[in-house]
Amino acid sequence: MSPVRRGKELPIHNRLPVLRAERGMSRAELAEAVEVNPQTIGALERGDHYPSLDLALRICAVFDLPVEAVFSRAPLEGDA
């Protein structure tokens, strides 16, 4: 099994700030909806932290979007 590559070599991009803004949602509101600390949402948005699969799916459920519309290995439209 090959090691998982992450970080600068293979980052995970997200549209969380754009999606929150479109819905008028604060970091705290999203954090409450997915049961994490608001600092976790900030870290995700900055790319300092990558979500677990469970957290990614919970976030996508809040926005009613598929994973590919929220997270990607390639930069997304509106990527921070």
Protein backbone atom coordinates (compact mmCIF):
# COMPACT_ATOMS: atom_id res chain seq x y z
CA MET A 1 0.00 0.00 0.00
CA SER A 2 1.38 3.39 -0.93
CA PRO A 3 1.42 6.22 1.62
CA VAL A 4 -1.27 8.89 1.48
CA ARG A 5 0.04 12.10 -0.04
CA ARG A 6 -1.33 15.34 1.26
CA GLY A 7 -0.36 18.90 1.93
CA LYS A 8 1.32 20.94 -0.78
CA GLU A 9 1.72 17.95 -3.12
CA LEU A 10 -1.97 17.06 -3.20
CA PRO A 11 -4.09 19.66 -1.39
CA ILE A 12 -7.82 19.43 -0.80
CA HIS A 13 -9.53 22.62 -1.92
CA ASN A 14 -12.97 23.67 -0.72
CA ARG A 15 -15.68 26.26 -1.33
CA LEU A 16 -16.75 26.64 2.29
CA PRO A 17 -16.36 30.44 2.52
CA VAL A 18 -18.32 30.94 -0.72
CA LEU A 19 -21.06 28.52 0.25
CA ARG A 20 -21.40 30.07 3.70
CA ALA A 21 -21.56 33.57 2.20
CA GLU A 22 -24.21 32.55 -0.34
CA ARG A 23 -26.36 31.31 2.53
CA GLY A 24 -25.56 34.08 4.99
CA MET A 25 -24.08 31.50 7.35
CA SER A 26 -21.33 32.21 9.88
CA ARG A 27 -18.51 29.84 10.74
CA ALA A 28 -20.16 29.31 14.12
CA GLU A 29 -23.49 28.38 12.52
CA LEU A 30 -21.85 25.85 10.19
CA ALA A 31 -19.80 24.47 13.08
CA GLU A 32 -22.96 24.01 15.15
CA ALA A 33 -24.76 22.31 12.26
CA VAL A 34 -21.97 19.74 11.84
CA GLU A 35 -21.11 19.49 15.54
CA VAL A 36 -17.53 20.79 15.50
CA ASN A 37 -15.72 23.77 16.97
CA PRO A 38 -15.85 27.00 14.90
CA GLN A 39 -12.03 26.95 14.82
CA THR A 40 -12.26 23.66 12.91
CA ILE A 41 -14.27 25.38 10.19
CA GLY A 42 -11.68 28.16 10.04
CA ALA A 43 -8.87 25.62 9.72
CA LEU A 44 -10.72 23.84 6.92
CA GLU A 45 -11.30 27.10 5.07
CA ARG A 46 -7.62 28.07 5.32
CA GLY A 47 -6.50 24.61 4.22
CA ASP A 48 -4.73 24.02 7.53
CA HIS A 49 -6.85 20.94 8.19
CA TYR A 50 -8.53 18.36 5.94
CA PRO A 51 -11.91 16.93 6.93
CA SER A 52 -12.52 13.30 7.73
CA LEU A 53 -14.90 11.61 5.33
CA ASP A 54 -17.59 11.77 7.99
CA LEU A 55 -17.14 15.51 8.48
CA ALA A 56 -17.02 16.18 4.73
CA LEU A 57 -20.31 14.33 4.27
CA ARG A 58 -21.94 16.20 7.17
CA ILE A 59 -20.83 19.52 5.65
CA CYS A 60 -22.16 18.53 2.23
CA ALA A 61 -25.50 17.57 3.80
CA VAL A 62 -25.82 21.06 5.32
CA PHE A 63 -25.37 22.61 1.88
CA ASP A 64 -27.36 19.84 0.13
CA LEU A 65 -24.52 19.39 -2.37
CA PRO A 66 -22.44 16.44 -3.54
CA VAL A 67 -18.90 16.14 -2.22
CA GLU A 68 -17.46 17.15 -5.61
CA ALA A 69 -19.25 20.51 -5.41
CA VAL A 70 -17.66 21.33 -2.05
CA PHE A 71 -14.26 19.58 -2.00
CA SER A 72 -11.76 18.87 -4.76
CA ARG A 73 -8.09 18.08 -5.45
CA ALA A 74 -8.18 20.83 -8.11
CA PRO A 75 -9.00 24.46 -7.33
CA LEU A 76 -12.74 25.14 -7.42
CA GLU A 77 -14.55 28.28 -8.55
CA GLY A 78 -14.56 30.59 -5.56
CA ASP A 79 -11.77 28.63 -3.89
CA ALA A 80 -10.25 30.61 -1.03
